[in-house]
All heavy atoms as atom14 arrays in JSON, in Angstrom:
{
  "sequence": "EPQGDIAFPEMDWKAEDHSWRAKESEEDDDRPTFENFLT",
  "atom14_mask": [
    [1, 1, 1, 1, 1, 1, 1, 1, 1, 0, 0, 0, 0, 0],
    [1, 1, 1, 1, 1, 1, 1, 0, 0, 0, 0, 0, 0, 0],
    [1, 1, 1, 1, 1, 1, 1, 1, 1, 0, 0, 0, 0, 0],
    [1, 1, 1, 1, 0, 0, 0, 0, 0, 0, 0, 0, 0, 0],
    [1, 1, 1, 1, 1, 1, 1, 1, 0, 0, 0, 0, 0, 0],
    [1, 1, 1, 1, 1, 1, 1, 1, 0, 0, 0, 0, 0, 0],
    [1, 1, 1, 1, 1, 0, 0, 0, 0, 0, 0, 0, 0, 0],
    [1, 1, 1, 1, 1, 1, 1, 1, 1, 1, 1, 0, 0, 0],
    [1, 1, 1, 1, 1, 1, 1, 0, 0, 0, 0, 0, 0, 0],
    [1, 1, 1, 1, 1, 1, 1, 1, 1, 0, 0, 0, 0, 0],
    [1, 1, 1, 1, 1, 1, 1, 1, 0, 0, 0, 0, 0, 0],
    [1, 1, 1, 1, 1, 1, 1, 1, 0, 0, 0, 0, 0, 0],
    [1, 1, 1, 1, 1, 1, 1, 1, 1, 1, 1, 1, 1, 1],
    [1, 1, 1, 1, 1, 1, 1, 1, 1, 0, 0, 0, 0, 0],
    [1, 1, 1, 1, 1, 0, 0, 0, 0, 0, 0, 0, 0, 0],
    [1, 1, 1, 1, 1, 1, 1, 1, 1, 0, 0, 0, 0, 0],
    [1, 1, 1, 1, 1, 1, 1, 1, 0, 0, 0, 0, 0, 0],
    [1, 1, 1, 1, 1, 1, 1, 1, 1, 1, 0, 0, 0, 0],
    [1, 1, 1, 1, 1, 1, 0, 0, 0, 0, 0, 0, 0, 0],
    [1, 1, 1, 1, 1, 1, 1, 1, 1, 1, 1, 1, 1, 1],
    [1, 1, 1, 1, 1, 1, 1, 1, 1, 1, 1, 0, 0, 0],
    [1, 1, 1, 1, 1, 0, 0, 0, 0, 0, 0, 0, 0, 0],
    [1, 1, 1, 1, 1, 1, 1, 1, 1, 0, 0, 0, 0, 0],
    [1, 1, 1, 1, 1, 1, 1, 1, 1, 0, 0, 0, 0, 0],
    [1, 1, 1, 1, 1, 1, 0, 0, 0, 0, 0, 0, 0, 0],
    [1, 1, 1, 1, 1, 1, 1, 1, 1, 0, 0, 0, 0, 0],
    [1, 1, 1, 1, 1, 1, 1, 1, 1, 0, 0, 0, 0, 0],
    [1, 1, 1, 1, 1, 1, 1, 1, 0, 0, 0, 0, 0, 0],
    [1, 1, 1, 1, 1, 1, 1, 1, 0, 0, 0, 0, 0, 0],
    [1, 1, 1, 1, 1, 1, 1, 1, 0, 0, 0, 0, 0, 0],
    [1, 1, 1, 1, 1, 1, 1, 1, 1, 1, 1, 0, 0, 0],
    [1, 1, 1, 1, 1, 1, 1, 0, 0, 0, 0, 0, 0, 0],
    [1, 1, 1, 1, 1, 1, 1, 0, 0, 0, 0, 0, 0, 0],
    [1, 1, 1, 1, 1, 1, 1, 1, 1, 1, 1, 0, 0, 0],
    [1, 1, 1, 1, 1, 1, 1, 1, 1, 0, 0, 0, 0, 0],
    [1, 1, 1, 1, 1, 1, 1, 1, 0, 0, 0, 0, 0, 0],
    [1, 1, 1, 1, 1, 1, 1, 1, 1, 1, 1, 0, 0, 0],
    [1, 1, 1, 1, 1, 1, 1, 1, 0, 0, 0, 0, 0, 0],
    [1, 1, 1, 1, 1, 1, 1, 0, 0, 0, 0, 0, 0, 0]
  ],
  "atom14_positions": [
    [[9.96, -9.72, -2.18], [9.53, -8.37, -1.86], [10.73, -7.45, -1.8], [11.78, -7.79, -1.24], [8.82, -8.35, -0.5], [7.51, -9.12, -0.5], [6.47, -8.45, -1.38], [6.65, -7.27, -1.72], [5.5, -9.13, -1.73], [0.0, 0.0, 0.0], [0.0, 0.0, 0.0], [0.0, 0.0, 0.0], [0.0, 0.0, 0.0], [0.0, 0.0, 0.0]],
    [[10.64, -6.26, -2.39], [11.75, -5.31, -2.32], [11.98, -4.85, -0.9], [11.04, -4.73, -0.11], [11.28, -4.16, -3.21], [9.8, -4.27, -3.22], [9.5, -5.73, -3.12], [0.0, 0.0, 0.0], [0.0, 0.0, 0.0], [0.0, 0.0, 0.0], [0.0, 0.0, 0.0], [0.0, 0.0, 0.0], [0.0, 0.0, 0.0], [0.0, 0.0, 0.0]],
    [[13.23, -4.6, -0.56], [13.58, -4.18, 0.78], [13.78, -2.68, 0.83], [13.93, -2.02, -0.18], [14.88, -4.89, 1.23], [14.79, -6.41, 1.18], [13.75, -6.96, 2.13], [13.63, -6.49, 3.25], [13.0, -7.95, 1.69], [0.0, 0.0, 0.0], [0.0, 0.0, 0.0], [0.0, 0.0, 0.0], [0.0, 0.0, 0.0], [0.0, 0.0, 0.0]],
    [[13.8, -2.15, 2.04], [14.09, -0.73, 2.21], [12.84, 0.12, 2.19], [11.73, -0.36, 2.32], [0.0, 0.0, 0.0], [0.0, 0.0, 0.0], [0.0, 0.0, 0.0], [0.0, 0.0, 0.0], [0.0, 0.0, 0.0], [0.0, 0.0, 0.0], [0.0, 0.0, 0.0], [0.0, 0.0, 0.0], [0.0, 0.0, 0.0], [0.0, 0.0, 0.0]],
    [[13.06, 1.43, 2.0], [11.97, 2.38, 2.08], [11.4, 2.76, 0.72], [10.66, 3.72, 0.6], [12.45, 3.66, 2.79], [12.9, 3.38, 4.22], [12.31, 2.48, 4.84], [13.84, 4.04, 4.68], [0.0, 0.0, 0.0], [0.0, 0.0, 0.0], [0.0, 0.0, 0.0], [0.0, 0.0, 0.0], [0.0, 0.0, 0.0], [0.0, 0.0, 0.0]],
    [[11.76, 2.03, -0.33], [11.28, 2.35, -1.66], [9.79, 2.03, -1.75], [9.36, 0.92, -1.43], [12.05, 1.57, -2.74], [13.53, 1.96, -2.69], [11.48, 1.83, -4.12], [14.4, 1.2, -3.65], [0.0, 0.0, 0.0], [0.0, 0.0, 0.0], [0.0, 0.0, 0.0], [0.0, 0.0, 0.0], [0.0, 0.0, 0.0], [0.0, 0.0, 0.0]],
    [[9.02, 3.0, -2.18], [7.57, 2.82, -2.27], [7.16, 2.54, -3.71], [7.37, 3.38, -4.58], [6.85, 4.06, -1.74], [0.0, 0.0, 0.0], [0.0, 0.0, 0.0], [0.0, 0.0, 0.0], [0.0, 0.0, 0.0], [0.0, 0.0, 0.0], [0.0, 0.0, 0.0], [0.0, 0.0, 0.0], [0.0, 0.0, 0.0], [0.0, 0.0, 0.0]],
    [[6.58, 1.39, -3.96], [6.1, 1.05, -5.29], [4.66, 1.5, -5.44], [3.89, 1.47, -4.48], [6.19, -0.46, -5.53], [7.57, -0.95, -5.83], [8.48, -1.17, -4.81], [7.97, -1.17, -7.13], [9.76, -1.6, -5.08], [9.25, -1.62, -7.42], [10.15, -1.83, -6.39], [0.0, 0.0, 0.0], [0.0, 0.0, 0.0], [0.0, 0.0, 0.0]],
    [[4.28, 1.91, -6.63], [2.87, 2.3, -6.85], [1.97, 1.09, -6.7], [2.34, -0.03, -7.07], [2.87, 2.82, -8.3], [4.04, 2.16, -8.94], [5.08, 2.03, -7.86], [0.0, 0.0, 0.0], [0.0, 0.0, 0.0], [0.0, 0.0, 0.0], [0.0, 0.0, 0.0], [0.0, 0.0, 0.0], [0.0, 0.0, 0.0], [0.0, 0.0, 0.0]],
    [[0.79, 1.3, -6.12], [-0.15, 0.2, -5.96], [-0.98, 0.05, -7.24], [-1.46, 1.01, -7.8], [-1.08, 0.48, -4.77], [-0.35, 0.48, -3.44], [-1.32, 0.6, -2.29], [-2.51, 0.31, -2.49], [-0.9, 0.99, -1.2], [0.0, 0.0, 0.0], [0.0, 0.0, 0.0], [0.0, 0.0, 0.0], [0.0, 0.0, 0.0], [0.0, 0.0, 0.0]],
    [[-1.13, -1.21, -7.67], [-1.94, -1.5, -8.84], [-2.89, -2.63, -8.49], [-2.51, -3.6, -7.85], [-1.05, -1.89, -10.04], [-0.22, -0.74, -10.57], [0.76, -1.17, -12.02], [2.01, -2.2, -11.29], [0.0, 0.0, 0.0], [0.0, 0.0, 0.0], [0.0, 0.0, 0.0], [0.0, 0.0, 0.0], [0.0, 0.0, 0.0], [0.0, 0.0, 0.0]],
    [[-4.14, -2.47, -8.88], [-5.17, -3.45, -8.6], [-5.17, -4.48, -9.72], [-5.83, -4.31, -10.73], [-6.52, -2.74, -8.49], [-7.63, -3.7, -8.09], [-7.3, -4.79, -7.6], [-8.8, -3.34, -8.26], [0.0, 0.0, 0.0], [0.0, 0.0, 0.0], [0.0, 0.0, 0.0], [0.0, 0.0, 0.0], [0.0, 0.0, 0.0], [0.0, 0.0, 0.0]],
    [[-4.42, -5.58, -9.54], [-4.25, -6.57, -10.6], [-5.36, -7.61, -10.55], [-5.84, -7.97, -9.5], [-2.92, -7.3, -10.44], [-1.74, -6.45, -10.72], [-1.1, -5.63, -9.85], [-1.06, -6.33, -11.96], [-0.04, -5.01, -10.48], [0.0, -5.42, -11.76], [-1.24, -6.91, -13.22], [0.88, -5.08, -12.78], [-0.37, -6.56, -14.23], [0.68, -5.66, -14.01]],
    [[-5.73, -8.11, -11.73], [-6.61, -9.27, -11.83], [-5.77, -10.43, -12.34], [-5.16, -10.34, -13.39], [-7.77, -8.99, -12.79], [-8.83, -8.08, -12.21], [-10.03, -8.04, -13.11], [-11.15, -7.22, -12.46], [-12.35, -7.19, -13.31], [0.0, 0.0, 0.0], [0.0, 0.0, 0.0], [0.0, 0.0, 0.0], [0.0, 0.0, 0.0], [0.0, 0.0, 0.0]],
    [[-5.77, -11.51, -11.61], [-4.87, -12.62, -11.91], [-5.11, -13.23, -13.28], [-4.2, -13.68, -13.94], [-4.99, -13.69, -10.82], [0.0, 0.0, 0.0], [0.0, 0.0, 0.0], [0.0, 0.0, 0.0], [0.0, 0.0, 0.0], [0.0, 0.0, 0.0], [0.0, 0.0, 0.0], [0.0, 0.0, 0.0], [0.0, 0.0, 0.0], [0.0, 0.0, 0.0]],
    [[-6.38, -13.21, -13.73], [-6.68, -13.93, -14.97], [-6.09, -13.27, -16.2], [-5.77, -13.93, -17.18], [-8.19, -14.09, -15.16], [-8.97, -12.8, -15.34], [-9.43, -12.22, -14.03], [-8.88, -12.61, -12.99], [-10.34, -11.38, -14.04], [0.0, 0.0, 0.0], [0.0, 0.0, 0.0], [0.0, 0.0, 0.0], [0.0, 0.0, 0.0], [0.0, 0.0, 0.0]],
    [[-5.91, -11.97, -16.2], [-5.35, -11.34, -17.39], [-4.24, -10.34, -17.06], [-3.76, -9.64, -17.93], [-6.43, -10.65, -18.22], [-7.11, -9.52, -17.47], [-6.77, -9.26, -16.31], [-8.0, -8.9, -18.07], [0.0, 0.0, 0.0], [0.0, 0.0, 0.0], [0.0, 0.0, 0.0], [0.0, 0.0, 0.0], [0.0, 0.0, 0.0], [0.0, 0.0, 0.0]],
    [[-3.84, -10.29, -15.78], [-2.77, -9.4, -15.36], [-3.09, -7.95, -15.68], [-2.19, -7.14, -15.87], [-1.44, -9.79, -16.03], [-0.91, -11.09, -15.55], [0.18, -11.69, -16.11], [-1.33, -11.93, -14.58], [0.42, -12.84, -15.51], [-0.49, -12.99, -14.58], [0.0, 0.0, 0.0], [0.0, 0.0, 0.0], [0.0, 0.0, 0.0], [0.0, 0.0, 0.0]],
    [[-4.35, -7.59, -15.75], [-4.7, -6.2, -16.01], [-4.9, -5.48, -14.68], [-5.11, -6.1, -13.65], [-5.97, -6.12, -16.86], [-7.05, -6.74, -16.2], [0.0, 0.0, 0.0], [0.0, 0.0, 0.0], [0.0, 0.0, 0.0], [0.0, 0.0, 0.0], [0.0, 0.0, 0.0], [0.0, 0.0, 0.0], [0.0, 0.0, 0.0], [0.0, 0.0, 0.0]],
    [[-4.83, -4.19, -14.74], [-4.96, -3.44, -13.51], [-5.65, -2.12, -13.78], [-5.78, -1.68, -14.9], [-3.6, -3.17, -12.87], [-2.81, -2.13, -13.59], [-2.83, -0.78, -13.39], [-1.9, -2.34, -14.67], [-1.99, -0.16, -14.26], [-1.42, -1.08, -15.05], [-1.48, -3.49, -15.34], [-0.51, -0.94, -16.08], [-0.56, -3.34, -16.36], [-0.09, -2.08, -16.72]],
    [[-6.08, -1.5, -12.73], [-6.6, -0.14, -12.81], [-5.96, 0.63, -11.67], [-5.99, 0.2, -10.53], [-8.12, -0.13, -12.65], [-8.74, 1.27, -12.76], [-10.26, 1.16, -12.77], [-10.75, 0.65, -11.5], [-10.99, 1.38, -10.44], [-10.77, 2.68, -10.47], [-11.44, 0.84, -9.33], [0.0, 0.0, 0.0], [0.0, 0.0, 0.0], [0.0, 0.0, 0.0]],
    [[-5.35, 1.74, -11.98], [-4.7, 2.54, -10.95], [-5.72, 2.92, -9.9], [-6.83, 3.35, -10.22], [-4.07, 3.79, -11.58], [0.0, 0.0, 0.0], [0.0, 0.0, 0.0], [0.0, 0.0, 0.0], [0.0, 0.0, 0.0], [0.0, 0.0, 0.0], [0.0, 0.0, 0.0], [0.0, 0.0, 0.0], [0.0, 0.0, 0.0], [0.0, 0.0, 0.0]],
    [[-5.38, 2.76, -8.64], [-6.32, 3.06, -7.57], [-6.58, 4.55, -7.51], [-5.66, 5.36, -7.54], [-5.75, 2.56, -6.23], [-5.69, 1.04, -6.16], [-5.3, 0.58, -4.78], [-5.34, -0.94, -4.69], [-4.96, -1.42, -3.35], [0.0, 0.0, 0.0], [0.0, 0.0, 0.0], [0.0, 0.0, 0.0], [0.0, 0.0, 0.0], [0.0, 0.0, 0.0]],
    [[-7.85, 4.9, -7.39], [-8.24, 6.3, -7.36], [-8.41, 6.75, -5.92], [-8.88, 6.01, -5.07], [-9.56, 6.5, -8.11], [-9.46, 6.08, -9.58], [-10.82, 6.11, -10.24], [-11.81, 6.34, -9.51], [-10.89, 5.89, -11.46], [0.0, 0.0, 0.0], [0.0, 0.0, 0.0], [0.0, 0.0, 0.0], [0.0, 0.0, 0.0], [0.0, 0.0, 0.0]],
    [[-8.04, 7.97, -5.67], [-8.19, 8.5, -4.32], [-9.64, 8.9, -4.08], [-10.4, 9.14, -5.0], [-7.28, 9.73, -4.14], [-7.74, 10.79, -4.96], [0.0, 0.0, 0.0], [0.0, 0.0, 0.0], [0.0, 0.0, 0.0], [0.0, 0.0, 0.0], [0.0, 0.0, 0.0], [0.0, 0.0, 0.0], [0.0, 0.0, 0.0], [0.0, 0.0, 0.0]],
    [[-10.0, 8.96, -2.8], [-11.37, 9.37, -2.45], [-11.63, 10.79, -2.91], [-12.73, 11.14, -3.31], [-11.57, 9.25, -0.94], [-11.54, 7.8, -0.45], [-11.79, 7.73, 1.03], [-12.04, 8.81, 1.62], [-11.76, 6.63, 1.6], [0.0, 0.0, 0.0], [0.0, 0.0, 0.0], [0.0, 0.0, 0.0], [0.0, 0.0, 0.0], [0.0, 0.0, 0.0]],
    [[-10.58, 11.6, -2.88], [-10.74, 12.99, -3.31], [-11.11, 13.05, -4.79], [-11.96, 13.82, -5.21], [-9.44, 13.76, -3.06], [-9.5, 15.22, -3.49], [-8.2, 15.94, -3.25], [-7.31, 15.37, -2.6], [-8.09, 17.1, -3.7], [0.0, 0.0, 0.0], [0.0, 0.0, 0.0], [0.0, 0.0, 0.0], [0.0, 0.0, 0.0], [0.0, 0.0, 0.0]],
    [[-10.47, 12.19, -5.61], [-10.77, 12.17, -7.03], [-12.19, 11.67, -7.28], [-12.86, 12.12, -8.19], [-9.78, 11.26, -7.76], [-8.39, 11.87, -7.81], [-8.31, 13.1, -7.66], [-7.42, 11.12, -7.98], [0.0, 0.0, 0.0], [0.0, 0.0, 0.0], [0.0, 0.0, 0.0], [0.0, 0.0, 0.0], [0.0, 0.0, 0.0], [0.0, 0.0, 0.0]],
    [[-12.65, 10.7, -6.45], [-13.99, 10.16, -6.62], [-15.06, 11.22, -6.39], [-16.11, 11.21, -7.02], [-14.22, 8.99, -5.66], [-13.35, 7.79, -6.04], [-12.93, 7.72, -7.2], [-13.1, 6.95, -5.15], [0.0, 0.0, 0.0], [0.0, 0.0, 0.0], [0.0, 0.0, 0.0], [0.0, 0.0, 0.0], [0.0, 0.0, 0.0], [0.0, 0.0, 0.0]],
    [[-14.79, 12.15, -5.46], [-15.8, 13.13, -5.1], [-15.75, 14.38, -5.97], [-16.66, 15.2, -5.92], [-15.61, 13.55, -3.63], [-15.86, 12.39, -2.69], [-16.6, 11.48, -3.09], [-15.32, 12.4, -1.57], [0.0, 0.0, 0.0], [0.0, 0.0, 0.0], [0.0, 0.0, 0.0], [0.0, 0.0, 0.0], [0.0, 0.0, 0.0], [0.0, 0.0, 0.0]],
    [[-14.69, 14.53, -6.75], [-14.54, 15.74, -7.53], [-15.47, 15.72, -8.73], [-15.45, 14.8, -9.53], [-13.09, 15.88, -8.01], [-12.82, 17.2, -8.71], [-11.39, 17.27, -9.19], [-10.48, 17.12, -8.06], [-9.51, 16.23, -8.02], [-9.31, 15.4, -9.02], [-8.71, 16.16, -6.97], [0.0, 0.0, 0.0], [0.0, 0.0, 0.0], [0.0, 0.0, 0.0]],
    [[-16.36, 16.71, -8.91], [-17.27, 16.73, -10.05], [-16.52, 16.97, -11.35], [-15.53, 17.68, -11.39], [-18.21, 17.9, -9.74], [-17.41, 18.8, -8.85], [-16.53, 17.89, -8.03], [0.0, 0.0, 0.0], [0.0, 0.0, 0.0], [0.0, 0.0, 0.0], [0.0, 0.0, 0.0], [0.0, 0.0, 0.0], [0.0, 0.0, 0.0], [0.0, 0.0, 0.0]],
    [[-16.97, 16.32, -12.42], [-16.38, 16.5, -13.74], [-17.48, 16.89, -14.72], [-18.67, 16.76, -14.44], [-15.7, 15.23, -14.24], [-16.69, 14.2, -14.37], [-14.62, 14.76, -13.27], [0.0, 0.0, 0.0], [0.0, 0.0, 0.0], [0.0, 0.0, 0.0], [0.0, 0.0, 0.0], [0.0, 0.0, 0.0], [0.0, 0.0, 0.0], [0.0, 0.0, 0.0]],
    [[-17.05, 17.34, -15.89], [-18.01, 17.75, -16.91], [-18.93, 16.59, -17.29], [-20.12, 16.78, -17.51], [-17.25, 18.24, -18.15], [-18.14, 18.6, -19.31], [-18.88, 19.76, -19.3], [-18.24, 17.76, -20.41], [-19.71, 20.09, -20.35], [-19.06, 18.08, -21.47], [-19.8, 19.25, -21.44], [0.0, 0.0, 0.0], [0.0, 0.0, 0.0], [0.0, 0.0, 0.0]],
    [[-18.35, 15.37, -17.33], [-19.14, 14.22, -17.73], [-20.3, 13.93, -16.78], [-21.27, 13.28, -17.16], [-18.25, 12.98, -17.85], [-17.33, 12.98, -19.06], [-16.11, 13.86, -18.86], [-15.92, 14.36, -17.72], [-15.36, 14.05, -19.84], [0.0, 0.0, 0.0], [0.0, 0.0, 0.0], [0.0, 0.0, 0.0], [0.0, 0.0, 0.0], [0.0, 0.0, 0.0]],
    [[-20.18, 14.38, -15.53], [-21.24, 14.12, -14.57], [-22.55, 14.8, -14.95], [-23.62, 14.41, -14.46], [-20.84, 14.6, -13.16], [-19.71, 13.78, -12.59], [-18.77, 14.33, -12.04], [-19.78, 12.47, -12.73], [0.0, 0.0, 0.0], [0.0, 0.0, 0.0], [0.0, 0.0, 0.0], [0.0, 0.0, 0.0], [0.0, 0.0, 0.0], [0.0, 0.0, 0.0]],
    [[-22.49, 15.79, -15.81], [-23.69, 16.52, -16.18], [-24.25, 16.08, -17.53], [-25.2, 16.66, -18.03], [-23.39, 18.03, -16.21], [-22.9, 18.55, -14.9], [-21.55, 18.71, -14.65], [-23.8, 18.89, -13.89], [-21.09, 19.19, -13.43], [-23.35, 19.37, -12.67], [-22.0, 19.52, -12.44], [0.0, 0.0, 0.0], [0.0, 0.0, 0.0], [0.0, 0.0, 0.0]],
    [[-23.64, 15.04, -18.14], [-24.09, 14.55, -19.43], [-25.01, 13.36, -19.26], [-24.83, 12.54, -18.37], [-22.89, 14.14, -20.29], [-21.87, 15.23, -20.61], [-20.74, 14.65, -21.45], [-22.52, 16.38, -21.36], [0.0, 0.0, 0.0], [0.0, 0.0, 0.0], [0.0, 0.0, 0.0], [0.0, 0.0, 0.0], [0.0, 0.0, 0.0], [0.0, 0.0, 0.0]],
    [[-26.01, 13.25, -20.11], [-26.9, 12.09, -20.09], [-26.68, 11.23, -21.32], [-27.2, 10.13, -21.39], [-28.38, 12.54, -20.05], [-28.63, 13.39, -21.18], [-28.68, 13.3, -18.77], [0.0, 0.0, 0.0], [0.0, 0.0, 0.0], [0.0, 0.0, 0.0], [0.0, 0.0, 0.0], [0.0, 0.0, 0.0], [0.0, 0.0, 0.0], [0.0, 0.0, 0.0]]
  ]
}
């Protein structure tokens, strides 16, 4: 583990393929987008 006050970005990794998705903030989840109105 790195020492000190350096903050690393959090990534949601899956062990089987080492893939990740950047964690989204709650504010981003609630923000309406154009796609929300498309069917």
